[in-house]
PDB file of N, CA and C in Angstrom:
ATOM      1  N   UNK A   1       0.838  -1.179   0.000  1.00  0.00           N
ATOM      2  CA  UNK A   1       0.000   0.000   0.000  1.00  0.00           C
ATOM      3  C   UNK A   1       0.888   1.249   0.000  1.00  0.00           C
ATOM      4  N   UNK A   2       0.568   2.187  -0.859  1.00  0.00           N
ATOM      5  CA  UNK A   2       1.313   3.437  -0.945  1.00  0.00           C
ATOM      6  C   UNK A   2       0.648   4.467  -0.040  1.00  0.00           C
ATOM      7  N   UNK A   3       1.228   4.702   1.112  1.00  0.00           N
ATOM      8  CA  UNK A   3       0.659   5.600   2.103  1.00  0.00           C
ATOM      9  C   UNK A   3       1.380   6.935   2.057  1.00  0.00           C
ATOM     10  N   UNK A   4       0.689   7.948   1.604  1.00  0.00           N
ATOM     11  CA  UNK A   4       1.279   9.276   1.456  1.00  0.00           C
ATOM     12  C   UNK A   4       1.857   9.798   2.772  1.00  0.00           C
ATOM     13  N   UNK A   5       1.185   9.533   3.877  1.00  0.00           N
ATOM     14  CA  UNK A   5       1.651  10.031   5.170  1.00  0.00           C
ATOM     15  C   UNK A   5       3.013   9.448   5.540  1.00  0.00           C
ATOM     16  N   UNK A   6       3.234   8.186   5.214  1.00  0.00           N
ATOM     17  CA  UNK A   6       4.504   7.553   5.550  1.00  0.00           C
ATOM     18  C   UNK A   6       5.675   8.113   4.740  1.00  0.00           C
ATOM     19  N   UNK A   7       5.371   8.847   3.688  1.00  0.00           N
ATOM     20  CA  UNK A   7       6.428   9.466   2.888  1.00  0.00           C
ATOM     21  C   UNK A   7       6.852  10.811   3.466  1.00  0.00           C
ATOM     22  N   UNK A   8       6.098  11.307   4.436  1.00  0.00           N
ATOM     23  CA  UNK A   8       6.466  12.563   5.086  1.00  0.00           C
ATOM     24  C   UNK A   8       7.531  12.291   6.133  1.00  0.00           C
ATOM     25  N   UNK A   9       8.391  13.262   6.335  1.00  0.00           N
ATOM     26  CA  UNK A   9       9.441  13.150   7.343  1.00  0.00           C
ATOM     27  C   UNK A   9       8.817  12.872   8.708  1.00  0.00           C
ATOM     28  N   UNK A  10       9.439  12.015   9.485  1.00  0.00           N
ATOM     29  CA  UNK A  10       9.077  11.695  10.870  1.00  0.00           C
ATOM     30  C   UNK A  10       7.899  10.734  11.041  1.00  0.00           C
ATOM     31  N   UNK A  11       7.106  10.502  10.021  1.00  0.00           N
ATOM     32  CA  UNK A  11       5.910   9.685  10.186  1.00  0.00           C
ATOM     33  C   UNK A  11       6.150   8.268   9.683  1.00  0.00           C
ATOM     34  N   UNK A  12       5.929   7.314  10.556  1.00  0.00           N
ATOM     35  CA  UNK A  12       6.082   5.911  10.199  1.00  0.00           C
ATOM     36  C   UNK A  12       4.744   5.216  10.166  1.00  0.00           C
ATOM     37  N   UNK A  13       4.799   3.903  10.185  1.00  0.00           N
ATOM     38  CA  UNK A  13       3.594   3.089  10.050  1.00  0.00           C
ATOM     39  C   UNK A  13       2.584   3.363  11.169  1.00  0.00           C
ATOM     40  N   UNK A  14       3.038   3.362  12.415  1.00  0.00           N
ATOM     41  CA  UNK A  14       2.113   3.532  13.543  1.00  0.00           C
ATOM     42  C   UNK A  14       1.502   4.923  13.551  1.00  0.00           C
ATOM     43  N   UNK A  15       2.320   5.944  13.401  1.00  0.00           N
ATOM     44  CA  UNK A  15       1.765   7.304  13.418  1.00  0.00           C
ATOM     45  C   UNK A  15       0.809   7.510  12.242  1.00  0.00           C
ATOM     46  N   UNK A  16       1.118   6.943  11.086  1.00  0.00           N
ATOM     47  CA  UNK A  16       0.211   7.041   9.937  1.00  0.00           C
ATOM     48  C   UNK A  16      -1.105   6.326  10.235  1.00  0.00           C
ATOM     49  N   UNK A  17      -1.041   5.166  10.870  1.00  0.00           N
ATOM     50  CA  UNK A  17      -2.274   4.445  11.220  1.00  0.00           C
ATOM     51  C   UNK A  17      -3.121   5.260  12.194  1.00  0.00           C
ATOM     52  N   UNK A  18      -2.483   5.881  13.176  1.00  0.00           N
ATOM     53  CA  UNK A  18      -3.221   6.724  14.129  1.00  0.00           C
ATOM     54  C   UNK A  18      -3.880   7.892  13.405  1.00  0.00           C
ATOM     55  N   UNK A  19      -3.149   8.519  12.495  1.00  0.00           N
ATOM     56  CA  UNK A  19      -3.704   9.655  11.750  1.00  0.00           C
ATOM     57  C   UNK A  19      -4.860   9.209  10.856  1.00  0.00           C
ATOM     58  N   UNK A  20      -4.719   8.061  10.220  1.00  0.00           N
ATOM     59  CA  UNK A  20      -5.821   7.524   9.407  1.00  0.00           C
ATOM     60  C   UNK A  20      -7.059   7.297  10.271  1.00  0.00           C
ATOM     61  N   UNK A  21      -6.854   6.798  11.476  1.00  0.00           N
ATOM     62  CA  UNK A  21      -7.971   6.495  12.379  1.00  0.00           C
ATOM     63  C   UNK A  21      -8.772   7.742  12.751  1.00  0.00           C
ATOM     64  N   UNK A  22      -8.142   8.914  12.658  1.00  0.00           N
ATOM     65  CA  UNK A  22      -8.854  10.155  12.980  1.00  0.00           C
ATOM     66  C   UNK A  22      -9.225  10.939  11.719  1.00  0.00           C
ATOM     67  N   UNK A  23      -9.151  10.283  10.568  1.00  0.00           N
ATOM     68  CA  UNK A  23      -9.619  10.888   9.326  1.00  0.00           C
ATOM     69  C   UNK A  23      -8.597  11.679   8.540  1.00  0.00           C
ATOM     70  N   UNK A  24      -7.336  11.536   8.876  1.00  0.00           N
ATOM     71  CA  UNK A  24      -6.276  12.227   8.140  1.00  0.00           C
ATOM     72  C   UNK A  24      -5.606  11.207   7.228  1.00  0.00           C
ATOM     73  N   UNK A  25      -5.756  11.402   5.918  1.00  0.00           N
ATOM     74  CA  UNK A  25      -5.273  10.410   4.957  1.00  0.00           C
ATOM     75  C   UNK A  25      -4.230  10.947   3.979  1.00  0.00           C
ATOM     76  N   UNK A  26      -3.983  12.248   4.024  1.00  0.00           N
ATOM     77  CA  UNK A  26      -3.041  12.830   3.070  1.00  0.00           C
ATOM     78  C   UNK A  26      -2.309  13.998   3.715  1.00  0.00           C
ATOM     79  N   UNK A  27      -1.267  14.452   3.044  1.00  0.00           N
ATOM     80  CA  UNK A  27      -0.519  15.608   3.523  1.00  0.00           C
ATOM     81  C   UNK A  27      -1.416  16.837   3.560  1.00  0.00           C
ATOM     82  N   UNK A  28      -2.300  16.964   2.587  1.00  0.00           N
ATOM     83  CA  UNK A  28      -3.188  18.132   2.590  1.00  0.00           C
ATOM     84  C   UNK A  28      -4.182  18.063   3.746  1.00  0.00           C
ATOM     85  N   UNK A  29      -4.658  16.861   4.089  1.00  0.00           N
ATOM     86  CA  UNK A  29      -5.514  16.714   5.279  1.00  0.00           C
ATOM     87  C   UNK A  29      -4.757  17.167   6.519  1.00  0.00           C
ATOM     88  N   UNK A  30      -3.502  16.754   6.614  1.00  0.00           N
ATOM     89  CA  UNK A  30      -2.676  17.080   7.771  1.00  0.00           C
ATOM     90  C   UNK A  30      -2.425  18.586   7.848  1.00  0.00           C
ATOM     91  N   UNK A  31      -2.123  19.203   6.713  1.00  0.00           N
ATOM     92  CA  UNK A  31      -1.921  20.659   6.681  1.00  0.00           C
ATOM     93  C   UNK A  31      -3.188  21.391   7.105  1.00  0.00           C
ATOM     94  N   UNK A  32      -4.313  20.933   6.601  1.00  0.00           N
ATOM     95  CA  UNK A  32      -5.592  21.556   6.910  1.00  0.00           C
ATOM     96  C   UNK A  32      -5.892  21.490   8.411  1.00  0.00           C
ATOM     97  N   UNK A  33      -5.587  20.360   9.032  1.00  0.00           N
ATOM     98  CA  UNK A  33      -5.887  20.171  10.442  1.00  0.00           C
ATOM     99  C   UNK A  33      -4.837  20.829  11.338  1.00  0.00           C
ATOM    100  N   UNK A  34      -3.588  20.806  10.922  1.00  0.00           N
ATOM    101  CA  UNK A  34      -2.518  21.379  11.731  1.00  0.00           C
ATOM    102  C   UNK A  34      -2.023  20.387  12.772  1.00  0.00           C
ATOM    103  N   UNK A  35      -0.825  20.629  13.255  1.00  0.00           N
ATOM    104  CA  UNK A  35      -0.170  19.688  14.165  1.00  0.00           C
ATOM    105  C   UNK A  35      -0.915  19.529  15.481  1.00  0.00           C
ATOM    106  N   UNK A  36      -1.312  20.628  16.087  1.00  0.00           N
ATOM    107  CA  UNK A  36      -1.956  20.560  17.403  1.00  0.00           C
ATOM    108  C   UNK A  36      -3.301  19.838  17.313  1.00  0.00           C
ATOM    109  N   UNK A  37      -4.117  20.200  16.336  1.00  0.00           N
ATOM    110  CA  UNK A  37      -5.421  19.544  16.189  1.00  0.00           C
ATOM    111  C   UNK A  37      -5.279  18.062  15.858  1.00  0.00           C
ATOM    112  N   UNK A  38      -4.321  17.734  15.000  1.00  0.00           N
ATOM    113  CA  UNK A  38      -4.108  16.333  14.631  1.00  0.00           C
ATOM    114  C   UNK A  38      -3.659  15.526  15.843  1.00  0.00           C
ATOM    115  N   UNK A  39      -2.716  16.063  16.586  1.00  0.00           N
ATOM    116  CA  UNK A  39      -2.228  15.385  17.795  1.00  0.00           C
ATOM    117  C   UNK A  39      -3.365  15.211  18.802  1.00  0.00           C
ATOM    118  N   UNK A  40      -4.128  16.258  18.999  1.00  0.00           N
ATOM    119  CA  UNK A  40      -5.239  16.207  19.945  1.00  0.00           C
ATOM    120  C   UNK A  40      -6.276  15.169  19.511  1.00  0.00           C
ATOM    121  N   UNK A  41      -6.536  15.070  18.222  1.00  0.00           N
ATOM    122  CA  UNK A  41      -7.489  14.082  17.713  1.00  0.00           C
ATOM    123  C   UNK A  41      -6.998  12.664  17.986  1.00  0.00           C
ATOM    124  N   UNK A  42      -5.706  12.438  17.782  1.00  0.00           N
ATOM    125  CA  UNK A  42      -5.126  11.113  18.041  1.00  0.00           C
ATOM    126  C   UNK A  42      -5.258  10.766  19.522  1.00  0.00           C
ATOM    127  N   UNK A  43      -4.910  11.709  20.390  1.00  0.00           N
ATOM    128  CA  UNK A  43      -5.006  11.471  21.839  1.00  0.00           C
ATOM    129  C   UNK A  43      -6.463  11.243  22.266  1.00  0.00           C
ATOM    130  N   UNK A  44      -7.380  12.034  21.717  1.00  0.00           N
ATOM    131  CA  UNK A  44      -8.801  11.908  22.057  1.00  0.00           C
ATOM    132  C   UNK A  44      -9.344  10.551  21.646  1.00  0.00           C
ATOM    133  N   UNK A  45      -8.804  10.019  20.570  1.00  0.00           N
ATOM    134  CA  UNK A  45      -9.233   8.708  20.077  1.00  0.00           C
ATOM    135  C   UNK A  45      -8.747   7.582  20.994  1.00  0.00           C
ATOM    136  N   UNK A  46      -7.867   7.907  21.932  1.00  0.00           N
ATOM    137  CA  UNK A  46      -7.409   6.923  22.911  1.00  0.00           C
ATOM    138  C   UNK A  46      -6.026   6.356  22.668  1.00  0.00           C
ATOM    139  N   UNK A  47      -5.360   6.818  21.625  1.00  0.00           N
ATOM    140  CA  UNK A  47      -4.010   6.339  21.366  1.00  0.00           C
ATOM    141  C   UNK A  47      -3.055   7.008  22.355  1.00  0.00           C
ATOM    142  N   UNK A  48      -2.108   6.260  22.848  1.00  0.00           N
ATOM    143  CA  UNK A  48      -1.182   6.759  23.870  1.00  0.00           C
ATOM    144  C   UNK A  48       0.053   7.374  23.218  1.00  0.00           C
ATOM    145  N   UNK A  49      -0.168   8.432  22.498  1.00  0.00           N
ATOM    146  CA  UNK A  49       0.919   9.117  21.799  1.00  0.00           C
ATOM    147  C   UNK A  49       1.598  10.106  22.735  1.00  0.00           C
ATOM    148  N   UNK A  50       2.912  10.145  22.676  1.00  0.00           N
ATOM    149  CA  UNK A  50       3.665  11.107  23.480  1.00  0.00           C
ATOM    150  C   UNK A  50       3.744  12.438  22.724  1.00  0.00           C
ATOM    151  N   UNK A  51       4.318  13.417  23.385  1.00  0.00           N
ATOM    152  CA  UNK A  51       4.473  14.737  22.752  1.00  0.00           C
ATOM    153  C   UNK A  51       5.402  14.663  21.538  1.00  0.00           C
ATOM    154  N   UNK A  52       6.203  13.620  21.455  1.00  0.00           N
ATOM    155  CA  UNK A  52       7.070  13.466  20.283  1.00  0.00           C
ATOM    156  C   UNK A  52       6.217  13.376  19.011  1.00  0.00           C
ATOM    157  N   UNK A  53       5.028  12.781  19.103  1.00  0.00           N
ATOM    158  CA  UNK A  53       4.153  12.736  17.929  1.00  0.00           C
ATOM    159  C   UNK A  53       3.770  14.153  17.509  1.00  0.00           C
ATOM    160  N   UNK A  54       3.474  15.004  18.467  1.00  0.00           N
ATOM    161  CA  UNK A  54       3.149  16.399  18.147  1.00  0.00           C
ATOM    162  C   UNK A  54       4.301  17.039  17.380  1.00  0.00           C
ATOM    163  N   UNK A  55       5.513  16.845  17.879  1.00  0.00           N
ATOM    164  CA  UNK A  55       6.689  17.416  17.210  1.00  0.00           C
ATOM    165  C   UNK A  55       6.926  16.745  15.850  1.00  0.00           C
ATOM    166  N   UNK A  56       6.676  15.457  15.776  1.00  0.00           N
ATOM    167  CA  UNK A  56       6.857  14.734  14.507  1.00  0.00           C
ATOM    168  C   UNK A  56       5.895  15.256  13.448  1.00  0.00           C
ATOM    169  N   UNK A  57       4.653  15.504  13.845  1.00  0.00           N
ATOM    170  CA  UNK A  57       3.667  16.037  12.895  1.00  0.00           C
ATOM    171  C   UNK A  57       4.089  17.429  12.439  1.00  0.00           C
ATOM    172  N   UNK A  58       4.484  18.275  13.391  1.00  0.00           N
ATOM    173  CA  UNK A  58       4.941  19.625  13.027  1.00  0.00           C
ATOM    174  C   UNK A  58       6.144  19.531  12.083  1.00  0.00           C
ATOM    175  N   UNK A  59       7.077  18.647  12.396  1.00  0.00           N
ATOM    176  CA  UNK A  59       8.228  18.454  11.524  1.00  0.00           C
ATOM    177  C   UNK A  59       7.829  17.965  10.140  1.00  0.00           C
ATOM    178  N   UNK A  60       6.852  17.080  10.085  1.00  0.00           N
ATOM    179  CA  UNK A  60       6.373  16.596   8.786  1.00  0.00           C
ATOM    180  C   UNK A  60       5.805  17.753   7.972  1.00  0.00           C
ATOM    181  N   UNK A  61       5.072  18.633   8.633  1.00  0.00           N
ATOM    182  CA  UNK A  61       4.499  19.790   7.934  1.00  0.00           C
ATOM    183  C   UNK A  61       5.575  20.774   7.476  1.00  0.00           C
ATOM    184  N   UNK A  62       6.662  20.845   8.240  1.00  0.00           N
ATOM    185  CA  UNK A  62       7.764  21.755   7.900  1.00  0.00           C
ATOM    186  C   UNK A  62       8.872  21.088   7.089  1.00  0.00           C
ATOM    187  N   UNK A  63       8.735  19.780   6.854  1.00  0.00           N
ATOM    188  CA  UNK A  63       9.744  18.990   6.149  1.00  0.00           C
ATOM    189  C   UNK A  63      11.096  19.079   6.846  1.00  0.00           C
ATOM    190  N   UNK A  64      11.061  18.850   8.174  1.00  0.00           N
ATOM    191  CA  UNK A  64      12.305  18.835   8.943  1.00  0.00           C
ATOM    192  C   UNK A  64      12.201  17.775  10.035  1.00  0.00           C
ATOM    193  N   UNK A  65      13.333  17.277  10.467  1.00  0.00           N
ATOM    194  CA  UNK A  65      13.344  16.297  11.548  1.00  0.00           C
ATOM    195  C   UNK A  65      12.785  16.963  12.794  1.00  0.00           C
ATOM    196  N   UNK A  66      11.990  16.228  13.538  1.00  0.00           N
ATOM    197  CA  UNK A  66      11.330  16.820  14.717  1.00  0.00           C
ATOM    198  C   UNK A  66      12.330  17.343  15.743  1.00  0.00           C
ATOM    199  N   UNK A  67      13.511  16.750  15.801  1.00  0.00           N
ATOM    200  CA  UNK A  67      14.525  17.189  16.749  1.00  0.00           C
ATOM    201  C   UNK A  67      15.131  18.541  16.368  1.00  0.00           C
ATOM    202  N   UNK A  68      14.965  18.931  15.105  1.00  0.00           N
ATOM    203  CA  UNK A  68      15.511  20.197  14.614  1.00  0.00           C
ATOM    204  C   UNK A  68      14.539  21.365  14.771  1.00  0.00           C
ATOM    205  N   UNK A  69      13.330  21.084  15.224  1.00  0.00           N
ATOM    206  CA  UNK A  69      12.369  22.163  15.454  1.00  0.00           C
ATOM    207  C   UNK A  69      12.887  23.002  16.622  1.00  0.00           C
ATOM    208  N   UNK A  70      12.930  24.311  16.446  1.00  0.00           N
ATOM    209  CA  UNK A  70      13.448  25.168  17.523  1.00  0.00           C
ATOM    210  C   UNK A  70      12.666  24.993  18.834  1.00  0.00           C
ATOM    211  N   UNK A  71      13.370  25.103  19.930  1.00  0.00           N
ATOM    212  CA  UNK A  71      12.772  24.951  21.255  1.00  0.00           C
ATOM    213  C   UNK A  71      11.588  25.901  21.428  1.00  0.00           C
ATOM    214  N   UNK A  72      11.718  27.112  20.901  1.00  0.00           N
ATOM    215  CA  UNK A  72      10.636  28.095  21.020  1.00  0.00           C
ATOM    216  C   UNK A  72       9.370  27.615  20.311  1.00  0.00           C
ATOM    217  N   UNK A  73       9.540  26.985  19.157  1.00  0.00           N
ATOM    218  CA  UNK A  73       8.379  26.483  18.410  1.00  0.00           C
ATOM    219  C   UNK A  73       7.740  25.314  19.156  1.00  0.00           C
ATOM    220  N   UNK A  74       8.556  24.445  19.721  1.00  0.00           N
ATOM    221  CA  UNK A  74       8.022  23.326  20.514  1.00  0.00           C
ATOM    222  C   UNK A  74       7.240  23.865  21.701  1.00  0.00           C
ATOM    223  N   UNK A  75       7.768  24.882  22.355  1.00  0.00           N
ATOM    224  CA  UNK A  75       7.078  25.487  23.501  1.00  0.00           C
ATOM    225  C   UNK A  75       5.751  26.102  23.066  1.00  0.00           C
ATOM    226  N   UNK A  76       5.731  26.734  21.896  1.00  0.00           N
ATOM    227  CA  UNK A  76       4.496  27.333  21.381  1.00  0.00           C
ATOM    228  C   UNK A  76       3.444  26.260  21.091  1.00  0.00           C
ATOM    229  N   UNK A  77       3.877  25.122  20.575  1.00  0.00           N
ATOM    230  CA  UNK A  77       2.947  24.018  20.318  1.00  0.00           C
ATOM    231  C   UNK A  77       2.335  23.514  21.628  1.00  0.00           C
ATOM    232  N   UNK A  78       3.159  23.348  22.641  1.00  0.00           N
ATOM    233  CA  UNK A  78       2.679  22.891  23.950  1.00  0.00           C
ATOM    234  C   UNK A  78       1.724  23.924  24.535  1.00  0.00           C
ATOM    235  N   UNK A  79       2.049  25.190  24.375  1.00  0.00           N
ATOM    236  CA  UNK A  79       1.184  26.258  24.871  1.00  0.00           C
ATOM    237  C   UNK A  79      -0.188  26.210  24.188  1.00  0.00           C
ATOM    238  N   UNK A  80      -0.210  25.994  22.876  1.00  0.00           N
ATOM    239  CA  UNK A  80      -1.479  25.868  22.150  1.00  0.00           C
ATOM    240  C   UNK A  80      -2.265  24.669  22.654  1.00  0.00           C
ATOM    241  N   UNK A  81      -1.579  23.579  22.867  1.00  0.00           N
ATOM    242  CA  UNK A  81      -2.217  22.359  23.357  1.00  0.00           C
ATOM    243  C   UNK A  81      -2.816  22.595  24.746  1.00  0.00           C
ATOM    244  N   UNK A  82      -2.053  23.233  25.618  1.00  0.00           N
ATOM    245  CA  UNK A  82      -2.534  23.524  26.962  1.00  0.00           C
ATOM    246  C   UNK A  82      -3.727  24.469  26.945  1.00  0.00           C
ATOM    247  N   UNK A  83      -3.694  25.470  26.074  1.00  0.00           N
ATOM    248  CA  UNK A  83      -4.798  26.426  25.947  1.00  0.00           C
ATOM    249  C   UNK A  83      -6.077  25.718  25.515  1.00  0.00           C
ATOM    250  N   UNK A  84      -5.952  24.753  24.623  1.00  0.00           N
ATOM    251  CA  UNK A  84      -7.130  24.010  24.170  1.00  0.00           C
ATOM    252  C   UNK A  84      -7.688  23.136  25.281  1.00  0.00           C
ATOM    253  N   UNK A  85      -6.793  22.584  26.106  1.00  0.00           N
ATOM    254  CA  UNK A  85      -7.234  21.756  27.236  1.00  0.00           C
ATOM    255  C   UNK A  85      -8.004  22.604  28.246  1.00  0.00           C
ATOM    256  N   UNK A  86      -7.532  23.822  28.483  1.00  0.00           N
ATOM    257  CA  UNK A  86      -8.222  24.733  29.404  1.00  0.00           C
ATOM    258  C   UNK A  86      -9.592  25.090  28.861  1.00  0.00           C
ATOM    259  N   UNK A  87      -9.660  25.402  27.552  1.00  0.00           N
ATOM    260  CA  UNK A  87     -10.940  25.740  26.911  1.00  0.00           C
ATOM    261  C   UNK A  87     -11.912  24.579  27.037  1.00  0.00           C
ATOM    262  N   UNK A  88     -11.419  23.381  26.820  1.00  0.00           N
ATOM    263  CA  UNK A  88     -12.265  22.195  26.873  1.00  0.00           C
ATOM    264  C   UNK A  88     -12.840  21.979  28.282  1.00  0.00           C
ATOM    265  N   UNK A  89     -12.064  22.313  29.299  1.00  0.00           N
ATOM    266  CA  UNK A  89     -12.492  22.100  30.679  1.00  0.00           C
ATOM    267  C   UNK A  89     -13.368  23.220  31.218  1.00  0.00           C
ATOM    268  N   UNK A  90     -13.517  24.301  30.480  1.00  0.00           N
ATOM    269  CA  UNK A  90     -14.369  25.413  30.936  1.00  0.00           C
ATOM    270  C   UNK A  90     -15.745  25.365  30.341  1.00  0.00           C
TER     271      UNK A  90
END
C-alpha cells in the first residue's frame, strides 16, 4: 500500500495508522488540520501518543526532523495544546 503520510518526514507506520484512524489520509488533510489539532485528535481517540508525535507532525508539515524544530516552536505548540485543554475544561 502506498501511504502518502509515511512518505512525510518523521511519520512511520504507527503514526500514519493513528492519523488515518482520525480521518487524516493525506498531507493536505494534515496541513488543513494542523499539528496541534491532529495530535489532539489522536489522543482523544485513545491512542497513547507522546508529545514526540506532536513534534513529529509539526516536523512533517515543515519537512524537517522533529529534533531540529526550535525549542521556542516546541514550547508554542505545547502552549497551544494547553490552551485548548483549558478551553475544553471550561
